[in-house]
C-alpha atoms as a PDB file:
ATOM      1  CA  MET A   1       4.702  -5.229  21.873  1.00  0.00           C
ATOM      2  CA  VAL A   2       2.140  -3.874  19.429  1.00  0.00           C
ATOM      3  CA  ASP A   3       2.801  -0.407  18.002  1.00  0.00           C
ATOM      4  CA  LEU A   4      -0.590   1.293  18.145  1.00  0.00           C
ATOM      5  CA  THR A   5       0.594   4.231  16.035  1.00  0.00           C
ATOM      6  CA  LYS A   6       0.801   2.052  12.912  1.00  0.00           C
ATOM      7  CA  PRO A   7      -2.265   0.744  11.114  1.00  0.00           C
ATOM      8  CA  PRO A   8      -2.685  -3.019  11.392  1.00  0.00           C
ATOM      9  CA  ARG A   9      -1.129  -5.036   8.569  1.00  0.00           C
ATOM     10  CA  ILE A  10      -3.653  -6.469   6.161  1.00  0.00           C
ATOM     11  CA  GLN A  11      -3.742 -10.231   6.295  1.00  0.00           C
ATOM     12  CA  GLY A  12      -3.052 -11.560   2.836  1.00  0.00           C
ATOM     13  CA  ASP A  13      -0.786 -13.701   0.767  1.00  0.00           C
ATOM     14  CA  ALA A  14       2.693 -13.331   2.255  1.00  0.00           C
ATOM     15  CA  ARG A  15       4.343 -14.712  -0.891  1.00  0.00           C
ATOM     16  CA  LEU A  16       2.809 -12.029  -3.091  1.00  0.00           C
ATOM     17  CA  GLN A  17       3.551  -9.363  -0.491  1.00  0.00           C
ATOM     18  CA  GLY A  18       7.198 -10.475  -0.587  1.00  0.00           C
ATOM     19  CA  ILE A  19       7.254 -10.330  -4.380  1.00  0.00           C
ATOM     20  CA  ALA A  20       5.893  -6.766  -4.251  1.00  0.00           C
ATOM     21  CA  CYS A  21       8.533  -5.785  -1.710  1.00  0.00           C
ATOM     22  CA  ALA A  22      11.373  -7.305  -3.740  1.00  0.00           C
ATOM     23  CA  LEU A  23      10.214  -5.697  -6.975  1.00  0.00           C
ATOM     24  CA  GLY A  24       9.795  -2.360  -5.220  1.00  0.00           C
ATOM     25  CA  GLU A  25      13.406  -2.610  -4.055  1.00  0.00           C
ATOM     26  CA  LEU A  26      14.528  -3.475  -7.562  1.00  0.00           C
ATOM     27  CA  ALA A  27      12.639  -0.499  -8.993  1.00  0.00           C
ATOM     28  CA  GLU A  28      13.685   2.082  -6.396  1.00  0.00           C
ATOM     29  CA  THR A  29      17.025   1.121  -4.861  1.00  0.00           C
ATOM     30  CA  HIS A  30      18.553  -0.426  -7.964  1.00  0.00           C
ATOM     31  CA  LYS A  31      16.933   2.052 -10.387  1.00  0.00           C
ATOM     32  CA  GLU A  32      15.420  -0.735 -12.497  1.00  0.00           C
ATOM     33  CA  PRO A  33      11.665  -0.008 -12.700  1.00  0.00           C
ATOM     34  CA  ALA A  34      11.373  -1.416 -16.230  1.00  0.00           C
ATOM     35  CA  LEU A  35      13.014  -4.672 -15.157  1.00  0.00           C
ATOM     36  CA  ALA A  36      10.719  -4.906 -12.125  1.00  0.00           C
ATOM     37  CA  LYS A  37       7.669  -4.531 -14.410  1.00  0.00           C
ATOM     38  CA  ARG A  38       9.003  -7.215 -16.767  1.00  0.00           C
ATOM     39  CA  VAL A  39       9.585  -9.616 -13.872  1.00  0.00           C
ATOM     40  CA  LEU A  40       6.050  -8.983 -12.597  1.00  0.00           C
ATOM     41  CA  ALA A  41       4.635  -9.721 -16.057  1.00  0.00           C
ATOM     42  CA  SER A  42       6.819 -12.826 -16.437  1.00  0.00           C
ATOM     43  CA  LEU A  43       5.306 -14.180 -13.227  1.00  0.00           C
ATOM     44  CA  GLY A  44       1.848 -13.749 -14.725  1.00  0.00           C
ATOM     45  CA  LEU A  45       0.931 -11.214 -12.052  1.00  0.00           C
ATOM     46  CA  THR A  46      -0.545  -7.735 -12.116  1.00  0.00           C
ATOM     47  CA  ILE A  47      -0.343  -4.838  -9.708  1.00  0.00           C
ATOM     48  CA  GLU A  48      -3.990  -5.546  -8.890  1.00  0.00           C
ATOM     49  CA  ASP A  49      -3.043  -9.116  -7.861  1.00  0.00           C
ATOM     50  CA  LEU A  50      -0.449  -7.690  -5.470  1.00  0.00           C
ATOM     51  CA  ARG A  51      -2.913  -5.122  -4.113  1.00  0.00           C
ATOM     52  CA  ALA A  52      -5.507  -7.838  -3.477  1.00  0.00           C
ATOM     53  CA  ALA A  53      -2.849  -9.830  -1.600  1.00  0.00           C
ATOM     54  CA  GLY A  54      -2.322  -6.935   0.811  1.00  0.00           C
ATOM     55  CA  ALA A  55       0.973  -5.621  -0.584  1.00  0.00           C
ATOM     56  CA  ASP A  56       2.282  -2.366   0.853  1.00  0.00           C
ATOM     57  CA  PRO A  57       0.935   0.620  -1.131  1.00  0.00           C
ATOM     58  CA  HIS A  58       4.425   2.163  -1.291  1.00  0.00           C
ATOM     59  CA  ASP A  59       5.765  -0.911  -3.079  1.00  0.00           C
ATOM     60  CA  LEU A  60       2.891  -0.763  -5.544  1.00  0.00           C
ATOM     61  CA  THR A  61       3.497   2.891  -6.413  1.00  0.00           C
ATOM     62  CA  LEU A  62       7.070   2.001  -7.365  1.00  0.00           C
ATOM     63  CA  LEU A  63       5.760  -0.475  -9.941  1.00  0.00           C
ATOM     64  CA  ARG A  64       3.552   2.005 -11.830  1.00  0.00           C
END
């Protein structure tokens, strides 16, 4: 059943959305924001790449 109270999920690159989610967890839950930023850079990705892929805005704020 579709939850009409939530905005529809942006269709995008699921792999990059997953990377954003994992790095957000690393930054917030494990208190390792610097490590999350280094991993993102080591993958050759930017926050803008993740945004363009439809990553959750909450995950992106954790990577700033």
